[in-house]
Amino acid sequence: MDNHPISCYHLGHYFQIDGKQLQEQYKEHISDYNGWEQKDHADQWMLFVKNVSLYLSIDETALSNGELYTIVTNKAAKGRKGAIVAMIKGTVAEDIINVLKKIPERLCKKVQEVTMDMAANMQLAIRRCFTNAHRVNY
């Protein structure tokens, strides 16, 4: 389950065990979920600084029930492992800035290009956090 996209339910069905119980056991005992450093704030934002690259993109998306999220991605990862840099609930510029400011300055200074739409909140966040970006694509 850690390395392949299979749900606990399907894995349980395959081995003829209770998938719901397997999910609970996995979450509470097998995985490192309880020791995850972002657990306390993961419902509001997540940040993966190791995924910061020279080329980033930022956009908002609605995931479910109309909830909007701002997602910053590493363009070099091309949607694969290591693509998500940050996922922030909402699209308020100050909330985005507060999370992106947690990225070490040395990494922010390395960012050369950020791709985004014309939304003013995204532009403000990028200007405040990635000041050395040579190009901002709209």
C-alpha atoms as a PDB file:
ATOM      1  CA  MET A   1       0.000   0.000   0.000  1.00  0.00           C
ATOM      2  CA  ASP A   2       2.939   2.340   0.524  1.00  0.00           C
ATOM      3  CA  ASN A   3       4.336   1.796  -2.950  1.00  0.00           C
ATOM      4  CA  HIS A   4       1.325   0.954  -5.104  1.00  0.00           C
ATOM      5  CA  PRO A   5      -2.048   2.660  -5.606  1.00  0.00           C
ATOM      6  CA  ILE A   6      -4.300   0.069  -3.996  1.00  0.00           C
ATOM      7  CA  SER A   7      -6.877   0.708  -1.313  1.00  0.00           C
ATOM      8  CA  CYS A   8      -7.109  -1.220   1.926  1.00  0.00           C
ATOM      9  CA  TYR A   9     -10.563  -2.366   0.872  1.00  0.00           C
ATOM     10  CA  HIS A  10      -9.281  -3.938  -2.370  1.00  0.00           C
ATOM     11  CA  LEU A  11      -6.271  -5.469  -0.688  1.00  0.00           C
ATOM     12  CA  GLY A  12      -8.521  -6.907   2.011  1.00  0.00           C
ATOM     13  CA  HIS A  13     -10.871  -8.309  -0.616  1.00  0.00           C
ATOM     14  CA  TYR A  14      -7.935  -9.953  -2.396  1.00  0.00           C
ATOM     15  CA  PHE A  15      -6.756 -11.650   0.828  1.00  0.00           C
ATOM     16  CA  GLN A  16     -10.316 -12.261   2.081  1.00  0.00           C
ATOM     17  CA  ILE A  17      -9.970 -10.098   5.181  1.00  0.00           C
ATOM     18  CA  ASP A  18     -11.953  -7.104   6.444  1.00  0.00           C
ATOM     19  CA  GLY A  19     -10.716  -4.105   4.420  1.00  0.00           C
ATOM     20  CA  LYS A  20     -12.096  -1.572   6.898  1.00  0.00           C
ATOM     21  CA  GLN A  21     -10.211  -3.215   9.764  1.00  0.00           C
ATOM     22  CA  LEU A  22      -7.050  -3.388   7.633  1.00  0.00           C
ATOM     23  CA  GLN A  23      -7.373   0.335   6.936  1.00  0.00           C
ATOM     24  CA  GLU A  24      -7.685   1.121  10.638  1.00  0.00           C
ATOM     25  CA  GLN A  25      -4.724  -1.108  11.544  1.00  0.00           C
ATOM     26  CA  TYR A  26      -2.625   0.403   8.777  1.00  0.00           C
ATOM     27  CA  LYS A  27      -3.400   3.968   9.836  1.00  0.00           C
ATOM     28  CA  GLU A  28      -2.912   3.462  13.567  1.00  0.00           C
ATOM     29  CA  HIS A  29      -0.075   0.910  13.705  1.00  0.00           C
ATOM     30  CA  ILE A  30       1.696   0.162  10.435  1.00  0.00           C
ATOM     31  CA  SER A  31       2.092   3.577   8.784  1.00  0.00           C
ATOM     32  CA  ASP A  32       3.930   6.526  10.271  1.00  0.00           C
ATOM     33  CA  TYR A  33       0.751   8.637  10.281  1.00  0.00           C
ATOM     34  CA  ASN A  34       0.771   9.196  14.051  1.00  0.00           C
ATOM     35  CA  GLY A  35       4.336  10.494  13.919  1.00  0.00           C
ATOM     36  CA  TRP A  36       3.849  12.622  10.784  1.00  0.00           C
ATOM     37  CA  GLU A  37       5.112  16.131  11.500  1.00  0.00           C
ATOM     38  CA  GLN A  38       2.363  17.758   9.405  1.00  0.00           C
ATOM     39  CA  LYS A  39      -0.516  15.861  10.994  1.00  0.00           C
ATOM     40  CA  ASP A  40      -1.679  18.786  13.154  1.00  0.00           C
ATOM     41  CA  HIS A  41      -2.162  21.176  10.241  1.00  0.00           C
ATOM     42  CA  ALA A  42      -2.656  18.853   7.259  1.00  0.00           C
ATOM     43  CA  ASP A  43      -6.350  19.738   7.019  1.00  0.00           C
ATOM     44  CA  GLN A  44      -5.322  23.380   6.350  1.00  0.00           C
ATOM     45  CA  TRP A  45      -1.992  23.061   4.523  1.00  0.00           C
ATOM     46  CA  MET A  46       0.847  20.717   3.653  1.00  0.00           C
ATOM     47  CA  LEU A  47       4.340  21.706   2.576  1.00  0.00           C
ATOM     48  CA  PHE A  48       7.013  19.512   1.006  1.00  0.00           C
ATOM     49  CA  VAL A  49      10.127  21.692   0.758  1.00  0.00           C
ATOM     50  CA  LYS A  50      12.231  18.878  -0.715  1.00  0.00           C
ATOM     51  CA  ASN A  51      10.109  19.210  -3.881  1.00  0.00           C
ATOM     52  CA  VAL A  52      11.014  22.867  -4.556  1.00  0.00           C
ATOM     53  CA  SER A  53      12.710  23.188  -7.940  1.00  0.00           C
ATOM     54  CA  LEU A  54      13.828  25.897 -10.349  1.00  0.00           C
ATOM     55  CA  TYR A  55      10.461  25.796 -12.121  1.00  0.00           C
ATOM     56  CA  LEU A  56       7.178  25.897 -10.227  1.00  0.00           C
ATOM     57  CA  SER A  57       3.515  26.401 -11.016  1.00  0.00           C
ATOM     58  CA  ILE A  58       0.677  27.616  -8.816  1.00  0.00           C
ATOM     59  CA  ASP A  59      -3.054  27.316  -9.368  1.00  0.00           C
ATOM     60  CA  GLU A  60      -6.296  26.833  -7.525  1.00  0.00           C
ATOM     61  CA  THR A  61      -8.564  23.835  -7.859  1.00  0.00           C
ATOM     62  CA  ALA A  62     -11.847  22.615  -6.415  1.00  0.00           C
ATOM     63  CA  LEU A  63     -11.399  19.098  -5.055  1.00  0.00           C
ATOM     64  CA  SER A  64     -14.799  18.292  -3.555  1.00  0.00           C
ATOM     65  CA  ASN A  65     -17.977  19.993  -2.379  1.00  0.00           C
ATOM     66  CA  GLY A  66     -16.758  23.304  -3.783  1.00  0.00           C
ATOM     67  CA  GLU A  67     -13.742  23.469  -1.454  1.00  0.00           C
ATOM     68  CA  LEU A  68     -10.961  25.471  -3.099  1.00  0.00           C
ATOM     69  CA  TYR A  69      -7.291  24.620  -2.659  1.00  0.00           C
ATOM     70  CA  THR A  70      -4.149  26.327  -3.876  1.00  0.00           C
ATOM     71  CA  ILE A  71      -1.559  23.890  -5.179  1.00  0.00           C
ATOM     72  CA  VAL A  72       2.099  24.678  -5.859  1.00  0.00           C
ATOM     73  CA  THR A  73       3.844  22.079  -7.990  1.00  0.00           C
ATOM     74  CA  ASN A  74       7.333  21.247  -9.192  1.00  0.00           C
ATOM     75  CA  LYS A  75       7.087  21.366 -12.986  1.00  0.00           C
ATOM     76  CA  ALA A  76      10.144  19.147 -13.436  1.00  0.00           C
ATOM     77  CA  ALA A  77       8.337  16.236 -11.743  1.00  0.00           C
ATOM     78  CA  LYS A  78       5.686  16.303 -14.506  1.00  0.00           C
ATOM     79  CA  GLY A  79       2.911  15.127 -12.189  1.00  0.00           C
ATOM     80  CA  ARG A  80       4.852  12.208 -10.777  1.00  0.00           C
ATOM     81  CA  LYS A  81       6.434  11.621  -7.384  1.00  0.00           C
ATOM     82  CA  GLY A  82       7.786  14.837  -5.914  1.00  0.00           C
ATOM     83  CA  ALA A  83       5.394  17.075  -7.836  1.00  0.00           C
ATOM     84  CA  ILE A  84       3.535  18.666  -4.921  1.00  0.00           C
ATOM     85  CA  VAL A  85       5.377  21.479  -3.158  1.00  0.00           C
ATOM     86  CA  ALA A  86       2.413  22.874  -1.221  1.00  0.00           C
ATOM     87  CA  MET A  87      -1.312  22.314  -0.889  1.00  0.00           C
ATOM     88  CA  ILE A  88      -3.168  25.082   0.921  1.00  0.00           C
ATOM     89  CA  LYS A  89      -6.856  25.206   1.778  1.00  0.00           C
ATOM     90  CA  GLY A  90      -8.435  28.265   0.162  1.00  0.00           C
ATOM     91  CA  THR A  91      -7.160  30.974  -2.138  1.00  0.00           C
ATOM     92  CA  VAL A  92      -6.587  33.892   0.256  1.00  0.00           C
ATOM     93  CA  ALA A  93      -3.263  35.530  -0.581  1.00  0.00           C
ATOM     94  CA  GLU A  94      -2.132  35.959   3.045  1.00  0.00           C
ATOM     95  CA  ASP A  95      -2.806  32.271   3.820  1.00  0.00           C
ATOM     96  CA  ILE A  96      -0.789  31.228   0.772  1.00  0.00           C
ATOM     97  CA  ILE A  97       2.039  33.617   1.688  1.00  0.00           C
ATOM     98  CA  ASN A  98       2.145  32.388   5.295  1.00  0.00           C
ATOM     99  CA  VAL A  99       2.676  28.810   4.135  1.00  0.00           C
ATOM    100  CA  LEU A 100       5.143  29.597   1.351  1.00  0.00           C
ATOM    101  CA  LYS A 101       7.214  31.754   3.729  1.00  0.00           C
ATOM    102  CA  LYS A 102       7.978  28.513   5.631  1.00  0.00           C
ATOM    103  CA  ILE A 103      10.158  27.441   2.692  1.00  0.00           C
ATOM    104  CA  PRO A 104      13.808  28.184   3.540  1.00  0.00           C
ATOM    105  CA  GLU A 105      14.999  31.399   1.884  1.00  0.00           C
ATOM    106  CA  ARG A 106      17.893  29.648   0.140  1.00  0.00           C
ATOM    107  CA  LEU A 107      15.373  27.463  -1.737  1.00  0.00           C
ATOM    108  CA  CYS A 108      13.083  30.388  -2.565  1.00  0.00           C
ATOM    109  CA  LYS A 109      16.011  32.255  -4.092  1.00  0.00           C
ATOM    110  CA  LYS A 110      16.754  29.339  -6.419  1.00  0.00           C
ATOM    111  CA  VAL A 111      13.319  29.479  -8.071  1.00  0.00           C
ATOM    112  CA  GLN A 112      13.760  30.909 -11.568  1.00  0.00           C
ATOM    113  CA  GLU A 113      10.267  30.627 -13.023  1.00  0.00           C
ATOM    114  CA  VAL A 114       6.703  30.373 -11.773  1.00  0.00           C
ATOM    115  CA  THR A 115       3.731  29.651 -14.012  1.00  0.00           C
ATOM    116  CA  MET A 116       0.316  30.911 -12.869  1.00  0.00           C
ATOM    117  CA  ASP A 117      -2.938  32.381 -14.069  1.00  0.00           C
ATOM    118  CA  MET A 118      -3.808  36.056 -13.847  1.00  0.00           C
ATOM    119  CA  ALA A 119      -5.349  35.844 -10.350  1.00  0.00           C
ATOM    120  CA  ALA A 120      -4.146  38.785  -8.246  1.00  0.00           C
ATOM    121  CA  ASN A 121      -3.828  36.652  -5.097  1.00  0.00           C
ATOM    122  CA  MET A 122      -1.437  34.249  -6.836  1.00  0.00           C
ATOM    123  CA  GLN A 123       0.638  37.112  -8.238  1.00  0.00           C
ATOM    124  CA  LEU A 124       0.955  38.672  -4.798  1.00  0.00           C
ATOM    125  CA  ALA A 125       2.000  35.373  -3.212  1.00  0.00           C
ATOM    126  CA  ILE A 126       4.667  34.746  -5.845  1.00  0.00           C
ATOM    127  CA  ARG A 127       6.080  38.269  -5.621  1.00  0.00           C
ATOM    128  CA  ARG A 128       6.320  38.001  -1.835  1.00  0.00           C
ATOM    129  CA  CYS A 129       7.792  34.494  -1.669  1.00  0.00           C
ATOM    130  CA  PHE A 130       9.860  33.939  -4.809  1.00  0.00           C
ATOM    131  CA  THR A 131      11.399  37.368  -5.289  1.00  0.00           C
ATOM    132  CA  ASN A 132      14.289  36.120  -7.431  1.00  0.00           C
ATOM    133  CA  ALA A 133      12.121  34.393 -10.034  1.00  0.00           C
ATOM    134  CA  HIS A 134      13.291  35.800 -13.378  1.00  0.00           C
ATOM    135  CA  ARG A 135      10.120  34.892 -15.223  1.00  0.00           C
ATOM    136  CA  VAL A 136       6.532  34.703 -14.160  1.00  0.00           C
ATOM    137  CA  ASN A 137       4.387  33.095 -16.849  1.00  0.00           C
ATOM    138  CA  TYR A 138       0.702  33.865 -17.048  1.00  0.00           C
END
